[in-house]
Amino acid sequence: MDLSSLEDISYGMYLITTSNGKEDAGCIINTLTQITSKNPIVSVSINKNNYTNKILKESNKFAVSIISENIDPQVISKFGYLSSEKENKFENINYELDNKIKVITDNMCSYLICEVLNIIDAETHDIFIARVESTKKLSNLKPMTYKYYKEVLKGISPKNAPTYIENKVSTVGKKYRCKICGYIYDNEKEKIPFEELPEDFKCPLCGAGKDMFEEIK
């Protein structure tokens, strides 16, 4: 079966945050779907291995920030590739409290506050069906699509994402992979070879330093 066909499905980019009163957690997803319009209901899919899944089951409430194309790479790095169990993702990140949930607002289009109505077991993932309790428009920035994330920011799906497909990277010419987010710097495609980049070079996707890159062999 050619799983690459699934890449033709359209997605957005969203940041889920939640709190059980003792711990805060959050992650980036691309599987928010509106199910109904009257008394709106939405669904989100989160991997069972994701710590946000655990905290969300304890809290039954979450916020969804709709990510714009102007998002700070640090937010993608923290919420997309680190674990809430091991890292304080909210440190040095601006947020506001709504319903006792830390909501990420900088460079977001808007956000929703949702209450879980039902959880559906989908093998590796749980699908959370939730009622939208309130919304807030934050800006008129352009929402980021998954296509933009992959083609412009050159991002990849973390292994816990529903859209993750293991791809083998061609080793023709030298390539370097960011150990934080997986971004690949390709010497053949870039104007400057990686070896000649200044020492203050930052990963364009997550902001990691040059020392966090490793050559793909």
C-alpha atoms as a PDB file:
ATOM      1  CA  MET A   1       0.000   0.000   0.000  1.00  0.00           C
ATOM      2  CA  ASP A   2       1.340   3.420  -0.997  1.00  0.00           C
ATOM      3  CA  LEU A   3       1.021   5.452   2.208  1.00  0.00           C
ATOM      4  CA  SER A   4       2.233   8.573   0.415  1.00  0.00           C
ATOM      5  CA  SER A   5      -1.337   8.937  -0.913  1.00  0.00           C
ATOM      6  CA  LEU A   6      -2.347   9.975   2.606  1.00  0.00           C
ATOM      7  CA  GLU A   7      -0.152  13.048   2.247  1.00  0.00           C
ATOM      8  CA  ASP A   8      -2.720  14.468  -0.184  1.00  0.00           C
ATOM      9  CA  ILE A   9      -5.186  14.888   2.697  1.00  0.00           C
ATOM     10  CA  SER A  10      -5.404  18.525   3.789  1.00  0.00           C
ATOM     11  CA  TYR A  11      -4.581  19.554   7.376  1.00  0.00           C
ATOM     12  CA  GLY A  12      -4.118  22.643   9.524  1.00  0.00           C
ATOM     13  CA  MET A  13      -1.665  23.225  12.375  1.00  0.00           C
ATOM     14  CA  TYR A  14      -2.923  23.594  15.952  1.00  0.00           C
ATOM     15  CA  LEU A  15      -1.514  23.782  19.472  1.00  0.00           C
ATOM     16  CA  ILE A  16      -3.373  21.892  22.221  1.00  0.00           C
ATOM     17  CA  THR A  17      -2.861  22.910  25.868  1.00  0.00           C
ATOM     18  CA  THR A  18      -4.449  21.475  28.995  1.00  0.00           C
ATOM     19  CA  SER A  19      -4.037  21.347  32.791  1.00  0.00           C
ATOM     20  CA  ASN A  20      -5.142  18.959  35.533  1.00  0.00           C
ATOM     21  CA  GLY A  21      -4.584  21.622  38.202  1.00  0.00           C
ATOM     22  CA  LYS A  22      -1.146  20.298  39.092  1.00  0.00           C
ATOM     23  CA  GLU A  23       0.531  19.820  35.723  1.00  0.00           C
ATOM     24  CA  ASP A  24       0.351  21.724  32.449  1.00  0.00           C
ATOM     25  CA  ALA A  25       0.845  20.000  29.127  1.00  0.00           C
ATOM     26  CA  GLY A  26       0.634  20.797  25.458  1.00  0.00           C
ATOM     27  CA  CYS A  27       1.488  19.575  21.986  1.00  0.00           C
ATOM     28  CA  ILE A  28       1.099  20.474  18.323  1.00  0.00           C
ATOM     29  CA  ILE A  29      -1.432  18.521  16.265  1.00  0.00           C
ATOM     30  CA  ASN A  30      -2.780  18.649  12.724  1.00  0.00           C
ATOM     31  CA  THR A  31      -6.003  16.724  13.248  1.00  0.00           C
ATOM     32  CA  LEU A  32      -8.589  19.208  14.511  1.00  0.00           C
ATOM     33  CA  THR A  33     -11.948  18.703  12.804  1.00  0.00           C
ATOM     34  CA  GLN A  34     -15.218  20.585  13.237  1.00  0.00           C
ATOM     35  CA  ILE A  35     -18.064  18.069  13.475  1.00  0.00           C
ATOM     36  CA  THR A  36     -21.140  20.247  14.054  1.00  0.00           C
ATOM     37  CA  SER A  37     -21.973  23.941  13.610  1.00  0.00           C
ATOM     38  CA  LYS A  38     -24.810  24.468  16.102  1.00  0.00           C
ATOM     39  CA  ASN A  39     -23.407  24.246  19.632  1.00  0.00           C
ATOM     40  CA  PRO A  40     -20.173  23.349  17.852  1.00  0.00           C
ATOM     41  CA  ILE A  41     -18.438  20.051  18.488  1.00  0.00           C
ATOM     42  CA  VAL A  42     -14.878  19.298  17.355  1.00  0.00           C
ATOM     43  CA  SER A  43     -12.561  16.304  17.446  1.00  0.00           C
ATOM     44  CA  VAL A  44      -8.807  16.020  17.966  1.00  0.00           C
ATOM     45  CA  SER A  45      -6.543  12.988  17.684  1.00  0.00           C
ATOM     46  CA  ILE A  46      -3.636  12.541  20.112  1.00  0.00           C
ATOM     47  CA  ASN A  47      -1.171   9.651  20.363  1.00  0.00           C
ATOM     48  CA  LYS A  48      -1.580   7.503  23.481  1.00  0.00           C
ATOM     49  CA  ASN A  49       2.172   7.827  24.159  1.00  0.00           C
ATOM     50  CA  ASN A  50       1.888  11.614  24.290  1.00  0.00           C
ATOM     51  CA  TYR A  51       1.913  13.018  27.839  1.00  0.00           C
ATOM     52  CA  THR A  52      -0.693  15.597  26.817  1.00  0.00           C
ATOM     53  CA  ASN A  53      -3.071  12.681  26.243  1.00  0.00           C
ATOM     54  CA  LYS A  54      -2.677  11.602  29.881  1.00  0.00           C
ATOM     55  CA  ILE A  55      -3.220  15.087  31.331  1.00  0.00           C
ATOM     56  CA  LEU A  56      -6.187  15.733  29.030  1.00  0.00           C
ATOM     57  CA  LYS A  57      -7.919  12.565  30.237  1.00  0.00           C
ATOM     58  CA  GLU A  58      -7.531  13.850  33.804  1.00  0.00           C
ATOM     59  CA  SER A  59      -8.764  17.374  33.054  1.00  0.00           C
ATOM     60  CA  ASN A  60     -11.392  16.837  30.313  1.00  0.00           C
ATOM     61  CA  LYS A  61     -10.789  20.410  29.133  1.00  0.00           C
ATOM     62  CA  PHE A  62      -8.357  21.857  26.626  1.00  0.00           C
ATOM     63  CA  ALA A  63      -7.537  24.916  24.570  1.00  0.00           C
ATOM     64  CA  VAL A  64      -6.770  24.873  20.848  1.00  0.00           C
ATOM     65  CA  SER A  65      -4.627  27.711  19.508  1.00  0.00           C
ATOM     66  CA  ILE A  66      -4.829  28.010  15.721  1.00  0.00           C
ATOM     67  CA  ILE A  67      -1.250  28.490  14.513  1.00  0.00           C
ATOM     68  CA  SER A  68      -0.404  31.215  11.994  1.00  0.00           C
ATOM     69  CA  GLU A  69       2.429  31.332   9.462  1.00  0.00           C
ATOM     70  CA  ASN A  70       4.131  33.899  11.745  1.00  0.00           C
ATOM     71  CA  ILE A  71       4.647  31.414  14.575  1.00  0.00           C
ATOM     72  CA  ASP A  72       7.880  31.667  16.581  1.00  0.00           C
ATOM     73  CA  PRO A  73      10.081  28.621  15.746  1.00  0.00           C
ATOM     74  CA  GLN A  74      10.704  28.193  19.502  1.00  0.00           C
ATOM     75  CA  VAL A  75       7.022  27.319  19.966  1.00  0.00           C
ATOM     76  CA  ILE A  76       7.201  24.638  17.266  1.00  0.00           C
ATOM     77  CA  SER A  77      10.388  23.263  18.805  1.00  0.00           C
ATOM     78  CA  LYS A  78       9.017  23.043  22.355  1.00  0.00           C
ATOM     79  CA  PHE A  79       5.466  21.895  21.701  1.00  0.00           C
ATOM     80  CA  GLY A  80       6.196  19.809  18.626  1.00  0.00           C
ATOM     81  CA  TYR A  81       9.248  17.807  19.646  1.00  0.00           C
ATOM     82  CA  LEU A  82       9.689  17.833  23.436  1.00  0.00           C
ATOM     83  CA  SER A  83       7.730  15.953  26.108  1.00  0.00           C
ATOM     84  CA  SER A  84       5.569  17.785  28.678  1.00  0.00           C
ATOM     85  CA  GLU A  85       6.523  15.041  31.159  1.00  0.00           C
ATOM     86  CA  LYS A  86      10.192  16.052  31.036  1.00  0.00           C
ATOM     87  CA  GLU A  87      10.160  19.714  29.974  1.00  0.00           C
ATOM     88  CA  ASN A  88       8.363  22.875  31.077  1.00  0.00           C
ATOM     89  CA  LYS A  89       7.165  23.855  27.609  1.00  0.00           C
ATOM     90  CA  PHE A  90       5.631  27.103  28.872  1.00  0.00           C
ATOM     91  CA  GLU A  91       8.908  28.530  30.174  1.00  0.00           C
ATOM     92  CA  ASN A  92       9.806  31.743  28.290  1.00  0.00           C
ATOM     93  CA  ILE A  93       6.615  31.396  26.200  1.00  0.00           C
ATOM     94  CA  ASN A  94       3.865  34.033  26.438  1.00  0.00           C
ATOM     95  CA  TYR A  95       0.409  32.751  27.349  1.00  0.00           C
ATOM     96  CA  GLU A  96      -2.832  33.865  28.975  1.00  0.00           C
ATOM     97  CA  LEU A  97      -5.040  31.968  31.409  1.00  0.00           C
ATOM     98  CA  ASP A  98      -8.532  31.005  30.297  1.00  0.00           C
ATOM     99  CA  ASN A  99     -10.596  28.494  32.287  1.00  0.00           C
ATOM    100  CA  LYS A 100      -7.378  27.771  34.266  1.00  0.00           C
ATOM    101  CA  ILE A 101      -5.662  26.629  31.065  1.00  0.00           C
ATOM    102  CA  LYS A 102      -2.477  28.257  29.767  1.00  0.00           C
ATOM    103  CA  VAL A 103      -3.346  29.359  26.240  1.00  0.00           C
ATOM    104  CA  ILE A 104      -0.581  30.229  23.769  1.00  0.00           C
ATOM    105  CA  THR A 105      -1.612  33.465  22.047  1.00  0.00           C
ATOM    106  CA  ASP A 106       1.432  35.073  20.362  1.00  0.00           C
ATOM    107  CA  ASN A 107       1.198  34.901  16.556  1.00  0.00           C
ATOM    108  CA  MET A 108      -1.927  32.758  16.734  1.00  0.00           C
ATOM    109  CA  CYS A 109      -5.089  33.366  14.695  1.00  0.00           C
ATOM    110  CA  SER A 110      -7.569  32.505  17.438  1.00  0.00           C
ATOM    111  CA  TYR A 111      -8.243  29.930  20.112  1.00  0.00           C
ATOM    112  CA  LEU A 112     -11.034  27.655  21.330  1.00  0.00           C
ATOM    113  CA  ILE A 113     -11.806  26.389  24.838  1.00  0.00           C
ATOM    114  CA  CYS A 114     -13.277  22.886  24.684  1.00  0.00           C
ATOM    115  CA  GLU A 115     -14.778  20.334  27.070  1.00  0.00           C
ATOM    116  CA  VAL A 116     -14.399  16.624  26.313  1.00  0.00           C
ATOM    117  CA  LEU A 117     -17.670  14.768  25.701  1.00  0.00           C
ATOM    118  CA  ASN A 118     -16.349  11.387  24.631  1.00  0.00           C
ATOM    119  CA  ILE A 119     -13.102   9.535  23.898  1.00  0.00           C
ATOM    120  CA  ILE A 120     -12.836   7.007  21.071  1.00  0.00           C
ATOM    121  CA  ASP A 121     -10.083   4.390  21.053  1.00  0.00           C
ATOM    122  CA  ALA A 122      -8.307   4.432  17.668  1.00  0.00           C
ATOM    123  CA  GLU A 123      -5.555   1.895  18.372  1.00  0.00           C
ATOM    124  CA  THR A 124      -2.377   4.035  18.606  1.00  0.00           C
ATOM    125  CA  HIS A 125      -4.365   7.249  19.156  1.00  0.00           C
ATOM    126  CA  ASP A 126      -7.356   8.517  21.114  1.00  0.00           C
ATOM    127  CA  ILE A 127      -9.935  10.707  19.416  1.00  0.00           C
ATOM    128  CA  PHE A 128     -11.318  13.337  21.793  1.00  0.00           C
ATOM    129  CA  ILE A 129     -14.821  14.566  20.922  1.00  0.00           C
ATOM    130  CA  ALA A 130     -15.358  17.938  22.571  1.00  0.00           C
ATOM    131  CA  ARG A 131     -17.844  20.798  22.863  1.00  0.00           C
ATOM    132  CA  VAL A 132     -16.547  24.285  22.048  1.00  0.00           C
ATOM    133  CA  GLU A 133     -17.396  26.378  25.118  1.00  0.00           C
ATOM    134  CA  SER A 134     -15.833  29.684  24.068  1.00  0.00           C
ATOM    135  CA  THR A 135     -13.653  31.238  21.379  1.00  0.00           C
ATOM    136  CA  LYS A 136     -11.425  34.280  21.013  1.00  0.00           C
ATOM    137  CA  LYS A 137     -10.169  35.929  17.817  1.00  0.00           C
ATOM    138  CA  LEU A 138      -6.546  37.004  18.257  1.00  0.00           C
ATOM    139  CA  SER A 139      -5.402  38.295  14.873  1.00  0.00           C
ATOM    140  CA  ASN A 140      -5.973  38.361  11.122  1.00  0.00           C
ATOM    141  CA  LEU A 141      -2.783  36.423  10.433  1.00  0.00           C
ATOM    142  CA  LYS A 142      -2.878  33.628   7.861  1.00  0.00           C
ATOM    143  CA  PRO A 143      -3.464  30.166   9.382  1.00  0.00           C
ATOM    144  CA  MET A 144      -0.618  27.724   8.833  1.00  0.00           C
ATOM    145  CA  THR A 145      -1.440  24.621   6.820  1.00  0.00           C
ATOM    146  CA  TYR A 146       0.377  21.323   7.107  1.00  0.00           C
ATOM    147  CA  LYS A 147       1.462  21.786   3.478  1.00  0.00           C
ATOM    148  CA  TYR A 148       3.103  25.123   4.395  1.00  0.00           C
ATOM    149  CA  TYR A 149       4.776  23.508   7.408  1.00  0.00           C
ATOM    150  CA  LYS A 150       6.291  20.757   5.243  1.00  0.00           C
ATOM    151  CA  GLU A 151       7.134  22.643   2.068  1.00  0.00           C
ATOM    152  CA  VAL A 152       8.082  26.126   3.329  1.00  0.00           C
ATOM    153  CA  LEU A 153       9.388  25.402   6.828  1.00  0.00           C
ATOM    154  CA  LYS A 154      10.579  21.950   5.709  1.00  0.00           C
ATOM    155  CA  GLY A 155       9.155  20.402   8.856  1.00  0.00           C
ATOM    156  CA  ILE A 156       8.627  16.696   9.451  1.00  0.00           C
ATOM    157  CA  SER A 157       6.008  14.839  11.468  1.00  0.00           C
ATOM    158  CA  PRO A 158       7.114  13.656  14.934  1.00  0.00           C
ATOM    159  CA  LYS A 159       6.803   9.896  15.440  1.00  0.00           C
ATOM    160  CA  ASN A 160       3.691  10.353  17.631  1.00  0.00           C
ATOM    161  CA  ALA A 161       1.831  12.289  14.926  1.00  0.00           C
ATOM    162  CA  PRO A 162      -1.017  10.574  13.036  1.00  0.00           C
ATOM    163  CA  THR A 163       0.625  11.640   9.761  1.00  0.00           C
ATOM    164  CA  TYR A 164       4.074  10.208  10.539  1.00  0.00           C
ATOM    165  CA  ILE A 165       5.485   8.090   7.715  1.00  0.00           C
ATOM    166  CA  GLU A 166       9.027   6.779   7.959  1.00  0.00           C
ATOM    167  CA  ASN A 167      10.998   8.074   4.991  1.00  0.00           C
ATOM    168  CA  LYS A 168      14.518   7.153   3.956  1.00  0.00           C
ATOM    169  CA  VAL A 169      16.637  10.191   3.150  1.00  0.00           C
ATOM    170  CA  SER A 170      18.795  10.130   0.027  1.00  0.00           C
ATOM    171  CA  THR A 171      22.482  10.386   0.852  1.00  0.00           C
ATOM    172  CA  VAL A 172      23.520  11.899  -2.489  1.00  0.00           C
ATOM    173  CA  GLY A 173      25.568  14.936  -1.453  1.00  0.00           C
ATOM    174  CA  LYS A 174      26.049  15.965   2.165  1.00  0.00           C
ATOM    175  CA  LYS A 175      22.948  16.460   4.321  1.00  0.00           C
ATOM    176  CA  TYR A 176      22.650  17.456   7.964  1.00  0.00           C
ATOM    177  CA  ARG A 177      19.706  16.713  10.282  1.00  0.00           C
ATOM    178  CA  CYS A 178      18.617  18.810  13.260  1.00  0.00           C
ATOM    179  CA  LYS A 179      18.533  16.477  16.268  1.00  0.00           C
ATOM    180  CA  ILE A 180      15.688  18.485  17.818  1.00  0.00           C
ATOM    181  CA  CYS A 181      13.084  18.750  15.065  1.00  0.00           C
ATOM    182  CA  GLY A 182      14.434  16.671  12.181  1.00  0.00           C
ATOM    183  CA  TYR A 183      14.883  19.560   9.732  1.00  0.00           C
ATOM    184  CA  ILE A 184      17.314  18.579   6.969  1.00  0.00           C
ATOM    185  CA  TYR A 185      19.905  20.984   5.560  1.00  0.00           C
ATOM    186  CA  ASP A 186      20.809  19.829   2.046  1.00  0.00           C
ATOM    187  CA  ASN A 187      24.126  21.129   0.699  1.00  0.00           C
ATOM    188  CA  GLU A 188      23.020  20.498  -2.890  1.00  0.00           C
ATOM    189  CA  LYS A 189      19.929  22.690  -2.527  1.00  0.00           C
ATOM    190  CA  GLU A 190      21.268  25.482  -0.323  1.00  0.00           C
ATOM    191  CA  LYS A 191      23.450  28.349  -1.512  1.00  0.00           C
ATOM    192  CA  ILE A 192      25.984  27.900   1.305  1.00  0.00           C
ATOM    193  CA  PRO A 193      27.425  24.492   2.322  1.00  0.00           C
ATOM    194  CA  PHE A 194      26.610  23.625   5.920  1.00  0.00           C
ATOM    195  CA  GLU A 195      30.311  23.502   6.775  1.00  0.00           C
ATOM    196  CA  GLU A 196      30.656  27.182   5.815  1.00  0.00           C
ATOM    197  CA  LEU A 197      27.646  28.454   7.770  1.00  0.00           C
ATOM    198  CA  PRO A 198      28.446  30.896  10.616  1.00  0.00           C
ATOM    199  CA  GLU A 199      28.604  29.463  14.130  1.00  0.00           C
ATOM    200  CA  ASP A 200      25.512  31.467  15.137  1.00  0.00           C
ATOM    201  CA  PHE A 201      23.401  29.684  12.476  1.00  0.00           C
ATOM    202  CA  LYS A 202      19.993  28.597  13.813  1.00  0.00           C
ATOM    203  CA  CYS A 203      17.684  25.867  12.558  1.00  0.00           C
ATOM    204  CA  PRO A 204      14.990  27.713  10.531  1.00  0.00           C
ATOM    205  CA  LEU A 205      12.304  25.406  11.918  1.00  0.00           C
ATOM    206  CA  CYS A 206      13.003  25.131  15.659  1.00  0.00           C
ATOM    207  CA  GLY A 207      15.814  27.606  16.340  1.00  0.00           C
ATOM    208  CA  ALA A 208      18.362  24.994  17.484  1.00  0.00           C
ATOM    209  CA  GLY A 209      22.042  25.922  17.122  1.00  0.00           C
ATOM    210  CA  LYS A 210      24.467  24.597  14.532  1.00  0.00           C
ATOM    211  CA  ASP A 211      25.928  22.208  17.122  1.00  0.00           C
ATOM    212  CA  MET A 212      22.590  20.362  17.234  1.00  0.00           C
ATOM    213  CA  PHE A 213      22.961  19.181  13.633  1.00  0.00           C
ATOM    214  CA  GLU A 214      24.448  15.835  12.661  1.00  0.00           C
ATOM    215  CA  GLU A 215      25.603  14.651   9.259  1.00  0.00           C
ATOM    216  CA  ILE A 216      23.409  11.993   7.648  1.00  0.00           C
ATOM    217  CA  LYS A 217      25.572   9.084   6.579  1.00  0.00           C
END
